[in-house]
Amino acid sequence: MQYRLLGRADIKVSLICLGTMTWGRQNTEAEGHEQMDYALDQGVNFFDTAEMYAIPPTAETYGKTEEIIGTWFAARRNRDKVVLASKIAGPGLSWIRGGNAKINKKNISAAVEGSLKRLQTDYIDLYQLHWPNRGSYHFSQHWGYAPPSLDIAAELDNFREVLETFKGLIAAGKIRHIGLSNESSWGVMNYMRLSEDHDLPRMVSIQNEYSLLCR
């Protein structure tokens, strides 16, 4: 297995990352444990999950994948061997935080605490924004390249609130690094600029869909 630094972070991750989104709906707990055992034996040290999983998402399967990873950590006692990534869900799912899942200080704090409990760990190596509060092309939607309608000043205020919240969580040792998912170039650029201008944590990674058909 080959390894690379995760962006500018001081973490080396395997070139292959184990996706986990089917555990708890399409796969059982035992199958999830078997897959993690096999991946680790092959040198895969990078696991990616999200509070929204299992997929396809339902209220009944919310958080199930993280729970399966948590029982594996508890049984194997090998948390230190895994670079663990998880994600906070954005708006749109009625069963997450009462349907008011805007990514802000209150919801980030609640989401992190929930994930830590389900994962049976006291820290997450990479914490990502699953999709932005505003419109986005995520989940195979066609992207027309025109920017979504938004209040830019309010959006940037929210970006800064997000980064300041993450700064506190990093200082508390609950997360180590932060990243993006399903984000646009505009969003990435502004997160980076705010980080530099205000001495706030820097996004180290982005996890976007890529398809020649849904670009």
N, C-alpha and C. Protein backbone atom coordinates (compact mmCIF):
# COMPACT_ATOMS: atom_id res chain seq x y z
N MET A 1 0.84 -1.19 0.00
CA MET A 1 0.00 0.00 0.00
C MET A 1 0.88 1.25 0.00
N GLN A 2 0.48 2.23 -0.77
CA GLN A 2 1.17 3.51 -0.78
C GLN A 2 0.40 4.51 0.07
N TYR A 3 1.13 5.50 0.60
CA TYR A 3 0.52 6.49 1.48
C TYR A 3 0.91 7.89 1.03
N ARG A 4 0.05 8.84 1.32
CA ARG A 4 0.29 10.24 0.98
C ARG A 4 -0.15 11.11 2.15
N LEU A 5 0.47 12.28 2.26
CA LEU A 5 0.00 13.24 3.24
C LEU A 5 -1.39 13.73 2.84
N LEU A 6 -2.25 13.93 3.81
CA LEU A 6 -3.60 14.43 3.57
C LEU A 6 -3.53 15.95 3.46
N GLY A 7 -3.44 16.45 2.22
CA GLY A 7 -3.30 17.88 2.02
C GLY A 7 -2.08 18.40 2.74
N ARG A 8 -2.24 19.45 3.50
CA ARG A 8 -1.14 20.00 4.31
C ARG A 8 -1.15 19.47 5.73
N ALA A 9 -2.02 18.52 6.01
CA ALA A 9 -2.10 17.96 7.36
C ALA A 9 -0.91 17.04 7.62
N ASP A 10 -0.66 16.80 8.88
CA ASP A 10 0.45 15.93 9.29
C ASP A 10 -0.01 14.49 9.43
N ILE A 11 -0.89 14.05 8.54
CA ILE A 11 -1.46 12.71 8.58
C ILE A 11 -1.16 12.01 7.27
N LYS A 12 -0.66 10.78 7.33
CA LYS A 12 -0.46 9.98 6.13
C LYS A 12 -1.62 9.01 5.98
N VAL A 13 -2.23 9.04 4.79
CA VAL A 13 -3.37 8.16 4.52
C VAL A 13 -3.05 7.24 3.35
N SER A 14 -3.65 6.08 3.36
CA SER A 14 -3.49 5.14 2.26
C SER A 14 -4.14 5.70 1.00
N LEU A 15 -3.58 5.34 -0.16
CA LEU A 15 -4.16 5.82 -1.42
C LEU A 15 -5.58 5.30 -1.62
N ILE A 16 -5.88 4.16 -1.03
CA ILE A 16 -7.25 3.62 -1.05
C ILE A 16 -7.92 3.97 0.27
N CYS A 17 -9.10 4.57 0.18
CA CYS A 17 -9.90 4.88 1.36
C CYS A 17 -11.11 3.95 1.38
N LEU A 18 -11.42 3.41 2.54
CA LEU A 18 -12.57 2.51 2.68
C LEU A 18 -13.84 3.31 2.90
N GLY A 19 -14.74 3.27 1.92
CA GLY A 19 -16.06 3.88 2.08
C GLY A 19 -16.98 2.94 2.85
N THR A 20 -17.86 3.51 3.65
CA THR A 20 -18.61 2.70 4.61
C THR A 20 -20.12 2.85 4.51
N MET A 21 -20.62 3.58 3.52
CA MET A 21 -21.99 4.07 3.57
C MET A 21 -23.07 2.99 3.50
N THR A 22 -22.72 1.76 3.15
CA THR A 22 -23.75 0.72 3.04
C THR A 22 -23.98 -0.04 4.33
N TRP A 23 -23.11 0.14 5.32
CA TRP A 23 -23.23 -0.65 6.55
C TRP A 23 -24.41 -0.16 7.38
N GLY A 24 -25.27 -1.10 7.71
CA GLY A 24 -26.45 -0.75 8.49
C GLY A 24 -27.72 -0.78 7.65
N ARG A 25 -27.57 -0.93 6.34
CA ARG A 25 -28.76 -1.09 5.49
C ARG A 25 -28.50 -2.14 4.42
N GLN A 26 -27.49 -1.91 3.57
CA GLN A 26 -27.17 -2.89 2.53
C GLN A 26 -26.21 -3.97 3.05
N ASN A 27 -25.51 -3.67 4.13
CA ASN A 27 -24.61 -4.64 4.76
C ASN A 27 -24.89 -4.71 6.26
N THR A 28 -24.67 -5.88 6.83
CA THR A 28 -24.88 -6.07 8.26
C THR A 28 -23.68 -5.56 9.05
N GLU A 29 -23.84 -5.53 10.37
CA GLU A 29 -22.73 -5.16 11.25
C GLU A 29 -21.57 -6.14 11.07
N ALA A 30 -21.86 -7.44 11.00
CA ALA A 30 -20.81 -8.44 10.85
C ALA A 30 -20.04 -8.24 9.55
N GLU A 31 -20.76 -7.92 8.48
CA GLU A 31 -20.10 -7.68 7.19
C GLU A 31 -19.25 -6.41 7.24
N GLY A 32 -19.74 -5.39 7.92
CA GLY A 32 -18.95 -4.17 8.08
C GLY A 32 -17.67 -4.44 8.84
N HIS A 33 -17.77 -5.20 9.93
CA HIS A 33 -16.58 -5.56 10.70
C HIS A 33 -15.60 -6.36 9.84
N GLU A 34 -16.12 -7.29 9.06
CA GLU A 34 -15.26 -8.10 8.19
C GLU A 34 -14.53 -7.24 7.17
N GLN A 35 -15.24 -6.28 6.59
CA GLN A 35 -14.61 -5.39 5.60
C GLN A 35 -13.53 -4.53 6.23
N MET A 36 -13.77 -4.02 7.43
CA MET A 36 -12.75 -3.21 8.11
C MET A 36 -11.53 -4.05 8.46
N ASP A 37 -11.75 -5.27 8.94
CA ASP A 37 -10.63 -6.17 9.24
C ASP A 37 -9.78 -6.39 8.00
N TYR A 38 -10.44 -6.69 6.89
CA TYR A 38 -9.73 -6.98 5.65
C TYR A 38 -8.97 -5.75 5.16
N ALA A 39 -9.62 -4.60 5.17
CA ALA A 39 -8.98 -3.38 4.69
C ALA A 39 -7.73 -3.07 5.51
N LEU A 40 -7.84 -3.16 6.82
CA LEU A 40 -6.69 -2.86 7.67
C LEU A 40 -5.56 -3.84 7.42
N ASP A 41 -5.88 -5.11 7.22
CA ASP A 41 -4.86 -6.13 6.92
C ASP A 41 -4.14 -5.84 5.61
N GLN A 42 -4.82 -5.18 4.67
CA GLN A 42 -4.21 -4.85 3.37
C GLN A 42 -3.47 -3.50 3.40
N GLY A 43 -3.43 -2.86 4.54
CA GLY A 43 -2.72 -1.59 4.66
C GLY A 43 -3.59 -0.36 4.48
N VAL A 44 -4.90 -0.53 4.32
CA VAL A 44 -5.80 0.62 4.22
C VAL A 44 -6.02 1.18 5.62
N ASN A 45 -5.59 2.42 5.83
CA ASN A 45 -5.74 3.02 7.16
C ASN A 45 -6.73 4.18 7.18
N PHE A 46 -7.39 4.46 6.05
CA PHE A 46 -8.24 5.63 5.89
C PHE A 46 -9.68 5.16 5.69
N PHE A 47 -10.56 5.47 6.65
CA PHE A 47 -11.97 5.09 6.59
C PHE A 47 -12.82 6.36 6.53
N ASP A 48 -13.84 6.36 5.67
CA ASP A 48 -14.70 7.53 5.52
C ASP A 48 -16.15 7.16 5.81
N THR A 49 -16.80 7.99 6.65
CA THR A 49 -18.20 7.76 6.99
C THR A 49 -18.92 9.10 7.08
N ALA A 50 -20.14 9.09 7.60
CA ALA A 50 -20.93 10.32 7.75
C ALA A 50 -22.08 10.04 8.69
N GLU A 51 -22.54 11.10 9.35
CA GLU A 51 -23.69 10.91 10.25
C GLU A 51 -24.93 10.47 9.49
N MET A 52 -25.06 10.84 8.22
CA MET A 52 -26.25 10.52 7.43
C MET A 52 -26.36 9.03 7.11
N TYR A 53 -25.24 8.31 7.06
CA TYR A 53 -25.24 6.93 6.60
C TYR A 53 -25.94 6.01 7.59
N ALA A 54 -26.66 4.99 7.16
CA ALA A 54 -26.46 4.23 5.93
C ALA A 54 -27.25 4.82 4.74
N ILE A 55 -26.84 4.37 3.55
CA ILE A 55 -27.41 4.81 2.28
C ILE A 55 -28.17 3.64 1.64
N PRO A 56 -29.30 3.93 0.96
CA PRO A 56 -30.03 5.19 0.86
C PRO A 56 -30.51 5.67 2.24
N PRO A 57 -30.50 7.00 2.45
CA PRO A 57 -30.76 7.51 3.79
C PRO A 57 -32.23 7.39 4.20
N THR A 58 -32.44 6.99 5.44
CA THR A 58 -33.77 6.97 6.04
C THR A 58 -33.62 7.37 7.50
N ALA A 59 -34.75 7.74 8.12
CA ALA A 59 -34.71 8.07 9.54
C ALA A 59 -34.27 6.87 10.37
N GLU A 60 -34.67 5.67 9.95
CA GLU A 60 -34.36 4.46 10.72
C GLU A 60 -32.88 4.09 10.65
N THR A 61 -32.21 4.43 9.56
CA THR A 61 -30.80 4.03 9.40
C THR A 61 -29.83 5.18 9.67
N TYR A 62 -30.35 6.34 10.06
CA TYR A 62 -29.47 7.47 10.39
C TYR A 62 -28.50 7.09 11.51
N GLY A 63 -27.20 7.28 11.26
CA GLY A 63 -26.18 7.01 12.27
C GLY A 63 -25.78 5.55 12.41
N LYS A 64 -26.43 4.65 11.68
CA LYS A 64 -26.14 3.22 11.86
C LYS A 64 -24.72 2.86 11.45
N THR A 65 -24.22 3.49 10.38
CA THR A 65 -22.87 3.15 9.93
C THR A 65 -21.84 3.54 10.97
N GLU A 66 -21.99 4.74 11.53
CA GLU A 66 -21.06 5.16 12.59
C GLU A 66 -21.14 4.21 13.79
N GLU A 67 -22.34 3.74 14.11
CA GLU A 67 -22.48 2.80 15.22
C GLU A 67 -21.70 1.51 14.95
N ILE A 68 -21.73 1.04 13.72
CA ILE A 68 -21.02 -0.20 13.38
C ILE A 68 -19.50 0.00 13.48
N ILE A 69 -19.04 1.14 13.04
CA ILE A 69 -17.61 1.45 13.21
C ILE A 69 -17.27 1.52 14.69
N GLY A 70 -18.16 2.10 15.48
CA GLY A 70 -17.93 2.21 16.91
C GLY A 70 -17.84 0.86 17.60
N THR A 71 -18.69 -0.07 17.24
CA THR A 71 -18.61 -1.39 17.87
C THR A 71 -17.34 -2.13 17.43
N TRP A 72 -16.88 -1.85 16.21
CA TRP A 72 -15.63 -2.45 15.74
C TRP A 72 -14.45 -1.89 16.54
N PHE A 73 -14.41 -0.58 16.74
CA PHE A 73 -13.35 0.01 17.56
C PHE A 73 -13.36 -0.58 18.97
N ALA A 74 -14.56 -0.71 19.53
CA ALA A 74 -14.67 -1.23 20.90
C ALA A 74 -14.18 -2.68 20.98
N ALA A 75 -14.48 -3.47 19.95
CA ALA A 75 -14.09 -4.89 19.96
C ALA A 75 -12.60 -5.07 19.65
N ARG A 76 -12.09 -4.30 18.71
CA ARG A 76 -10.70 -4.50 18.25
C ARG A 76 -9.69 -3.66 19.03
N ARG A 77 -10.13 -2.60 19.65
CA ARG A 77 -9.25 -1.68 20.40
C ARG A 77 -8.08 -1.21 19.54
N ASN A 78 -8.40 -0.73 18.35
CA ASN A 78 -7.36 -0.33 17.41
C ASN A 78 -7.62 1.06 16.81
N ARG A 79 -8.26 1.92 17.60
CA ARG A 79 -8.59 3.26 17.09
C ARG A 79 -7.36 3.99 16.54
N ASP A 80 -6.22 3.77 17.17
CA ASP A 80 -5.00 4.50 16.77
C ASP A 80 -4.47 4.06 15.41
N LYS A 81 -4.98 2.97 14.84
CA LYS A 81 -4.50 2.49 13.55
C LYS A 81 -5.29 3.04 12.37
N VAL A 82 -6.34 3.81 12.67
CA VAL A 82 -7.25 4.27 11.61
C VAL A 82 -7.28 5.79 11.56
N VAL A 83 -7.18 6.32 10.34
CA VAL A 83 -7.45 7.74 10.10
C VAL A 83 -8.94 7.82 9.74
N LEU A 84 -9.72 8.37 10.65
CA LEU A 84 -11.17 8.33 10.54
C LEU A 84 -11.74 9.66 10.08
N ALA A 85 -12.53 9.61 9.02
CA ALA A 85 -13.21 10.79 8.50
C ALA A 85 -14.70 10.63 8.65
N SER A 86 -15.38 11.69 9.05
CA SER A 86 -16.83 11.69 9.08
C SER A 86 -17.33 13.05 8.57
N LYS A 87 -18.66 13.20 8.51
CA LYS A 87 -19.23 14.41 7.90
C LYS A 87 -20.51 14.82 8.62
N ILE A 88 -20.73 16.12 8.65
CA ILE A 88 -22.01 16.67 9.11
C ILE A 88 -22.92 16.83 7.90
N ALA A 89 -24.18 16.44 8.05
CA ALA A 89 -25.15 16.60 6.97
C ALA A 89 -25.57 18.06 6.85
N GLY A 90 -25.84 18.49 5.62
CA GLY A 90 -26.41 19.81 5.40
C GLY A 90 -27.93 19.75 5.43
N PRO A 91 -28.59 20.85 5.08
CA PRO A 91 -30.06 20.90 5.13
C PRO A 91 -30.70 19.94 4.13
N GLY A 92 -31.94 19.53 4.44
CA GLY A 92 -32.71 18.78 3.46
C GLY A 92 -33.31 17.48 3.95
N LEU A 93 -32.85 16.97 5.09
CA LEU A 93 -33.38 15.70 5.60
C LEU A 93 -34.18 15.98 6.86
N SER A 94 -35.45 15.65 6.84
CA SER A 94 -36.37 16.06 7.91
C SER A 94 -36.06 15.41 9.26
N TRP A 95 -35.38 14.27 9.26
CA TRP A 95 -35.14 13.55 10.51
C TRP A 95 -33.83 13.95 11.19
N ILE A 96 -33.05 14.81 10.57
CA ILE A 96 -31.78 15.24 11.19
C ILE A 96 -32.00 16.59 11.86
N ARG A 97 -31.86 16.61 13.19
CA ARG A 97 -32.04 17.81 14.00
C ARG A 97 -33.35 18.54 13.67
N GLY A 98 -34.41 17.74 13.58
CA GLY A 98 -35.74 18.28 13.37
C GLY A 98 -35.94 18.97 12.04
N GLY A 99 -35.13 18.61 11.06
CA GLY A 99 -35.24 19.23 9.75
C GLY A 99 -34.55 20.57 9.65
N ASN A 100 -33.93 21.01 10.74
CA ASN A 100 -33.22 22.29 10.75
C ASN A 100 -31.73 22.02 10.86
N ALA A 101 -31.17 21.48 9.77
CA ALA A 101 -29.78 21.01 9.81
C ALA A 101 -28.82 21.97 9.11
N LYS A 102 -29.14 23.25 9.10
CA LYS A 102 -28.20 24.22 8.54
C LYS A 102 -26.85 24.06 9.22
N ILE A 103 -25.79 24.14 8.45
CA ILE A 103 -24.45 24.00 9.02
C ILE A 103 -24.07 25.32 9.68
N ASN A 104 -24.13 25.31 11.02
CA ASN A 104 -23.77 26.49 11.82
C ASN A 104 -23.18 25.99 13.14
N LYS A 105 -22.87 26.92 14.03
CA LYS A 105 -22.21 26.55 15.28
C LYS A 105 -23.03 25.54 16.08
N LYS A 106 -24.31 25.81 16.25
CA LYS A 106 -25.16 24.94 17.06
C LYS A 106 -25.21 23.53 16.49
N ASN A 107 -25.44 23.42 15.19
CA ASN A 107 -25.58 22.10 14.58
C ASN A 107 -24.26 21.36 14.44
N ILE A 108 -23.18 22.08 14.19
CA ILE A 108 -21.87 21.41 14.15
C ILE A 108 -21.56 20.80 15.50
N SER A 109 -21.78 21.57 16.56
CA SER A 109 -21.49 21.07 17.91
C SER A 109 -22.32 19.83 18.22
N ALA A 110 -23.61 19.86 17.87
CA ALA A 110 -24.48 18.69 18.13
C ALA A 110 -24.06 17.50 17.28
N ALA A 111 -23.73 17.75 16.01
CA ALA A 111 -23.36 16.66 15.11
C ALA A 111 -22.07 15.98 15.55
N VAL A 112 -21.08 16.77 15.93
CA VAL A 112 -19.81 16.19 16.37
C VAL A 112 -20.01 15.33 17.61
N GLU A 113 -20.77 15.83 18.58
CA GLU A 113 -20.99 15.06 19.81
C GLU A 113 -21.72 13.75 19.50
N GLY A 114 -22.71 13.82 18.60
CA GLY A 114 -23.43 12.60 18.23
C GLY A 114 -22.53 11.59 17.54
N SER A 115 -21.69 12.06 16.63
CA SER A 115 -20.79 11.16 15.92
C SER A 115 -19.78 10.53 16.87
N LEU A 116 -19.21 11.32 17.76
CA LEU A 116 -18.23 10.78 18.71
C LEU A 116 -18.85 9.67 19.56
N LYS A 117 -20.08 9.87 19.98
CA LYS A 117 -20.75 8.86 20.80
C LYS A 117 -20.98 7.58 20.01
N ARG A 118 -21.49 7.73 18.77
CA ARG A 118 -21.77 6.53 17.96
C ARG A 118 -20.48 5.81 17.58
N LEU A 119 -19.44 6.56 17.30
CA LEU A 119 -18.16 5.98 16.87
C LEU A 119 -17.33 5.43 18.04
N GLN A 120 -17.77 5.72 19.26
CA GLN A 120 -17.06 5.26 20.47
C GLN A 120 -15.59 5.70 20.45
N THR A 121 -15.40 6.97 20.14
CA THR A 121 -14.06 7.56 20.13
C THR A 121 -14.15 8.96 20.70
N ASP A 122 -13.01 9.52 21.06
CA ASP A 122 -13.02 10.89 21.58
C ASP A 122 -12.47 11.90 20.58
N TYR A 123 -12.16 11.44 19.35
CA TYR A 123 -11.71 12.39 18.33
C TYR A 123 -11.98 11.84 16.94
N ILE A 124 -12.13 12.74 15.99
CA ILE A 124 -12.30 12.42 14.56
C ILE A 124 -11.14 13.09 13.83
N ASP A 125 -10.44 12.33 13.00
CA ASP A 125 -9.25 12.86 12.34
C ASP A 125 -9.58 13.91 11.28
N LEU A 126 -10.63 13.67 10.50
CA LEU A 126 -11.02 14.59 9.43
C LEU A 126 -12.53 14.76 9.49
N TYR A 127 -12.97 16.00 9.73
CA TYR A 127 -14.40 16.27 9.81
C TYR A 127 -14.79 17.16 8.64
N GLN A 128 -15.80 16.69 7.86
CA GLN A 128 -16.13 17.34 6.60
C GLN A 128 -17.56 17.85 6.58
N LEU A 129 -17.80 18.87 5.75
CA LEU A 129 -19.14 19.36 5.49
C LEU A 129 -19.70 18.57 4.32
N HIS A 130 -20.73 17.78 4.55
CA HIS A 130 -21.18 16.82 3.53
C HIS A 130 -21.68 17.52 2.27
N TRP A 131 -22.42 18.61 2.44
CA TRP A 131 -22.82 19.47 1.32
C TRP A 131 -23.13 20.83 1.90
N PRO A 132 -23.06 21.89 1.08
CA PRO A 132 -23.24 23.24 1.62
C PRO A 132 -24.69 23.58 1.92
N ASN A 133 -24.88 24.63 2.70
CA ASN A 133 -26.22 25.10 3.02
C ASN A 133 -26.97 25.57 1.77
N ARG A 134 -26.24 26.19 0.85
CA ARG A 134 -26.88 26.72 -0.36
C ARG A 134 -27.03 25.59 -1.39
N GLY A 135 -27.58 25.90 -2.55
CA GLY A 135 -27.73 24.90 -3.59
C GLY A 135 -26.39 24.37 -4.05
N SER A 136 -26.38 23.12 -4.50
CA SER A 136 -25.15 22.48 -4.93
C SER A 136 -25.48 21.37 -5.91
N TYR A 137 -24.45 20.85 -6.54
CA TYR A 137 -24.66 19.82 -7.57
C TYR A 137 -24.57 18.41 -6.99
N HIS A 138 -24.56 18.27 -5.69
CA HIS A 138 -24.29 16.96 -5.08
C HIS A 138 -25.35 15.92 -5.43
N PHE A 139 -24.94 14.66 -5.29
CA PHE A 139 -25.79 13.50 -5.50
C PHE A 139 -26.37 13.44 -6.92
N SER A 140 -25.46 13.56 -7.89
CA SER A 140 -25.75 13.35 -9.31
C SER A 140 -26.68 14.39 -9.93
N GLN A 141 -26.86 15.53 -9.29
CA GLN A 141 -27.63 16.59 -9.91
C GLN A 141 -26.77 17.27 -10.99
N HIS A 142 -27.39 17.67 -12.06
CA HIS A 142 -26.65 18.37 -13.11
C HIS A 142 -26.36 19.79 -12.66
N TRP A 143 -25.16 20.25 -12.96
CA TRP A 143 -24.70 21.56 -12.52
C TRP A 143 -24.63 22.47 -13.73
N GLY A 144 -25.38 23.58 -13.69
CA GLY A 144 -25.46 24.48 -14.83
C GLY A 144 -24.40 25.55 -14.87
N TYR A 145 -23.49 25.54 -13.90
CA TYR A 145 -22.36 26.46 -13.81
C TYR A 145 -22.76 27.87 -13.40
N ALA A 146 -24.02 28.21 -13.37
CA ALA A 146 -24.43 29.51 -12.85
C ALA A 146 -24.47 29.43 -11.32
N PRO A 147 -23.97 30.45 -10.63
CA PRO A 147 -23.97 30.39 -9.16
C PRO A 147 -25.39 30.43 -8.61
N PRO A 148 -25.66 29.72 -7.52
CA PRO A 148 -26.99 29.77 -6.93
C PRO A 148 -27.29 31.15 -6.37
N SER A 149 -28.56 31.50 -6.29
CA SER A 149 -28.94 32.78 -5.70
C SER A 149 -28.67 32.73 -4.20
N LEU A 150 -27.95 33.73 -3.69
CA LEU A 150 -27.66 33.76 -2.27
C LEU A 150 -27.26 35.16 -1.84
N ASP A 151 -27.38 35.38 -0.55
CA ASP A 151 -26.90 36.61 0.07
C ASP A 151 -25.42 36.39 0.38
N ILE A 152 -24.56 36.95 -0.44
CA ILE A 152 -23.13 36.64 -0.32
C ILE A 152 -22.58 37.05 1.04
N ALA A 153 -22.96 38.21 1.55
CA ALA A 153 -22.46 38.65 2.85
C ALA A 153 -22.87 37.68 3.95
N ALA A 154 -24.14 37.25 3.93
CA ALA A 154 -24.61 36.29 4.94
C ALA A 154 -23.91 34.95 4.79
N GLU A 155 -23.68 34.55 3.55
CA GLU A 155 -23.00 33.27 3.31
C GLU A 155 -21.58 33.30 3.88
N LEU A 156 -20.88 34.40 3.65
CA LEU A 156 -19.50 34.51 4.14
C LEU A 156 -19.46 34.63 5.66
N ASP A 157 -20.47 35.28 6.25
CA ASP A 157 -20.57 35.30 7.71
C ASP A 157 -20.72 33.89 8.26
N ASN A 158 -21.53 33.07 7.56
CA ASN A 158 -21.71 31.68 7.97
C ASN A 158 -20.41 30.90 7.83
N PHE A 159 -19.68 31.11 6.74
CA PHE A 159 -18.39 30.43 6.55
C PHE A 159 -17.46 30.73 7.72
N ARG A 160 -17.42 32.00 8.11
CA ARG A 160 -16.52 32.36 9.21
C ARG A 160 -16.99 31.72 10.52
N GLU A 161 -18.30 31.70 10.75
CA GLU A 161 -18.84 31.04 11.95
C GLU A 161 -18.45 29.56 11.96
N VAL A 162 -18.54 28.91 10.82
CA VAL A 162 -18.16 27.50 10.72
C VAL A 162 -16.69 27.31 11.08
N LEU A 163 -15.83 28.12 10.52
CA LEU A 163 -14.39 27.99 10.78
C LEU A 163 -14.05 28.30 12.24
N GLU A 164 -14.71 29.30 12.81
CA GLU A 164 -14.46 29.62 14.22
C GLU A 164 -14.93 28.49 15.13
N THR A 165 -16.05 27.85 14.77
CA THR A 165 -16.54 26.71 15.54
C THR A 165 -15.55 25.56 15.47
N PHE A 166 -15.04 25.31 14.27
CA PHE A 166 -14.05 24.25 14.12
C PHE A 166 -12.77 24.56 14.89
N LYS A 167 -12.39 25.81 14.94
CA LYS A 167 -11.19 26.18 15.71
C LYS A 167 -11.34 25.76 17.17
N GLY A 168 -12.53 25.99 17.72
CA GLY A 168 -12.78 25.59 19.10
C GLY A 168 -12.78 24.08 19.28
N LEU A 169 -13.35 23.35 18.33
CA LEU A 169 -13.39 21.89 18.42
C LEU A 169 -12.01 21.27 18.26
N ILE A 170 -11.19 21.89 17.42
CA ILE A 170 -9.81 21.42 17.27
C ILE A 170 -9.03 21.68 18.55
N ALA A 171 -9.21 22.86 19.14
CA ALA A 171 -8.52 23.18 20.40
C ALA A 171 -8.95 22.23 21.51
N ALA A 172 -10.20 21.77 21.46
CA ALA A 172 -10.72 20.84 22.47
C ALA A 172 -10.29 19.41 22.21
N GLY A 173 -9.65 19.15 21.05
CA GLY A 173 -9.18 17.80 20.73
C GLY A 173 -10.24 16.89 20.17
N LYS A 174 -11.41 17.42 19.81
CA LYS A 174 -12.50 16.57 19.32
C LYS A 174 -12.37 16.26 17.83
N ILE A 175 -11.78 17.16 17.09
CA ILE A 175 -11.45 16.90 15.69
C ILE A 175 -10.02 17.37 15.45
N ARG A 176 -9.36 16.80 14.44
CA ARG A 176 -7.98 17.17 14.15
C ARG A 176 -7.87 18.08 12.94
N HIS A 177 -8.62 17.77 11.89
CA HIS A 177 -8.56 18.55 10.65
C HIS A 177 -9.96 18.64 10.04
N ILE A 178 -10.12 19.57 9.09
CA ILE A 178 -11.43 19.78 8.48
C ILE A 178 -11.33 19.71 6.96
N GLY A 179 -12.44 19.33 6.34
CA GLY A 179 -12.47 19.22 4.89
C GLY A 179 -13.86 19.50 4.35
N LEU A 180 -13.95 19.53 3.03
CA LEU A 180 -15.20 19.83 2.33
C LEU A 180 -15.66 18.62 1.53
N SER A 181 -16.93 18.64 1.15
CA SER A 181 -17.48 17.60 0.30
C SER A 181 -18.59 18.23 -0.53
N ASN A 182 -18.64 17.88 -1.81
CA ASN A 182 -19.67 18.40 -2.70
C ASN A 182 -19.73 19.93 -2.68
N GLU A 183 -18.57 20.55 -2.71
CA GLU A 183 -18.46 22.01 -2.66
C GLU A 183 -18.00 22.55 -4.01
N SER A 184 -18.35 23.79 -4.28
CA SER A 184 -17.98 24.45 -5.53
C SER A 184 -16.64 25.15 -5.40
N SER A 185 -16.10 25.58 -6.53
CA SER A 185 -14.85 26.35 -6.52
C SER A 185 -15.03 27.64 -5.73
N TRP A 186 -16.20 28.27 -5.87
CA TRP A 186 -16.48 29.51 -5.14
C TRP A 186 -16.42 29.27 -3.63
N GLY A 187 -17.04 28.18 -3.18
CA GLY A 187 -17.03 27.88 -1.75
C GLY A 187 -15.64 27.57 -1.24
N VAL A 188 -14.89 26.76 -1.99
CA VAL A 188 -13.53 26.41 -1.58
C VAL A 188 -12.67 27.67 -1.46
N MET A 189 -12.73 28.51 -2.49
CA MET A 189 -11.91 29.73 -2.52
C MET A 189 -12.20 30.62 -1.31
N ASN A 190 -13.47 30.79 -0.99
CA ASN A 190 -13.82 31.68 0.12
C ASN A 190 -13.48 31.08 1.48
N TYR A 191 -13.62 29.77 1.64
CA TYR A 191 -13.16 29.15 2.89
C TYR A 191 -11.66 29.35 3.06
N MET A 192 -10.90 29.18 1.99
CA MET A 192 -9.45 29.35 2.07
C MET A 192 -9.08 30.80 2.40
N ARG A 193 -9.75 31.73 1.75
CA ARG A 193 -9.43 33.15 1.98
C ARG A 193 -9.73 33.55 3.42
N LEU A 194 -10.87 33.11 3.95
CA LEU A 194 -11.22 33.45 5.33
C LEU A 194 -10.24 32.82 6.32
N SER A 195 -9.80 31.61 6.02
CA SER A 195 -8.82 30.95 6.90
C SER A 195 -7.54 31.78 6.98
N GLU A 196 -7.07 32.24 5.83
CA GLU A 196 -5.83 33.02 5.79
C GLU A 196 -6.00 34.39 6.43
N ASP A 197 -7.12 35.05 6.16
CA ASP A 197 -7.33 36.41 6.65
C ASP A 197 -7.55 36.49 8.15
N HIS A 198 -8.11 35.42 8.74
CA HIS A 198 -8.51 35.49 10.15
C HIS A 198 -7.83 34.43 11.02
N ASP A 199 -6.76 33.81 10.50
CA ASP A 199 -6.02 32.81 11.27
C ASP A 199 -6.94 31.72 11.80
N LEU A 200 -7.71 31.15 10.89
CA LEU A 200 -8.66 30.09 11.24
C LEU A 200 -8.23 28.78 10.58
N PRO A 201 -8.75 27.64 11.02
CA PRO A 201 -8.35 26.35 10.45
C PRO A 201 -8.55 26.32 8.93
N ARG A 202 -7.65 25.62 8.26
CA ARG A 202 -7.67 25.53 6.80
C ARG A 202 -8.26 24.19 6.37
N MET A 203 -9.16 24.24 5.39
CA MET A 203 -9.67 23.00 4.81
C MET A 203 -8.52 22.24 4.16
N VAL A 204 -8.37 20.96 4.49
CA VAL A 204 -7.22 20.20 3.97
C VAL A 204 -7.59 19.27 2.83
N SER A 205 -8.91 19.10 2.57
CA SER A 205 -9.30 18.12 1.56
C SER A 205 -10.68 18.47 1.01
N ILE A 206 -10.98 17.87 -0.13
CA ILE A 206 -12.33 17.99 -0.69
C ILE A 206 -12.72 16.65 -1.29
N GLN A 207 -13.94 16.23 -1.02
CA GLN A 207 -14.46 14.96 -1.52
C GLN A 207 -15.68 15.26 -2.38
N ASN A 208 -15.47 15.33 -3.68
CA ASN A 208 -16.55 15.64 -4.61
C ASN A 208 -16.86 14.46 -5.51
N GLU A 209 -18.10 14.38 -5.94
CA GLU A 209 -18.45 13.42 -6.98
C GLU A 209 -17.78 13.84 -8.29
N TYR A 210 -17.48 12.87 -9.11
CA TYR A 210 -17.00 13.20 -10.45
C TYR A 210 -17.58 12.21 -11.44
N SER A 211 -18.18 12.74 -12.48
CA SER A 211 -18.75 11.89 -13.52
C SER A 211 -18.75 12.65 -14.84
N LEU A 212 -18.43 11.98 -15.92
CA LEU A 212 -18.50 12.59 -17.24
C LEU A 212 -19.94 12.90 -17.64
N LEU A 213 -20.90 12.19 -17.04
CA LEU A 213 -22.30 12.39 -17.36
C LEU A 213 -22.95 13.47 -16.49
N CYS A 214 -22.59 13.51 -15.21
CA CYS A 214 -23.12 14.52 -14.27
C CYS A 214 -21.96 15.36 -13.79
N ARG A 215 -21.64 16.42 -14.52
CA ARG A 215 -20.43 17.17 -14.22
C ARG A 215 -20.75 18.42 -13.42
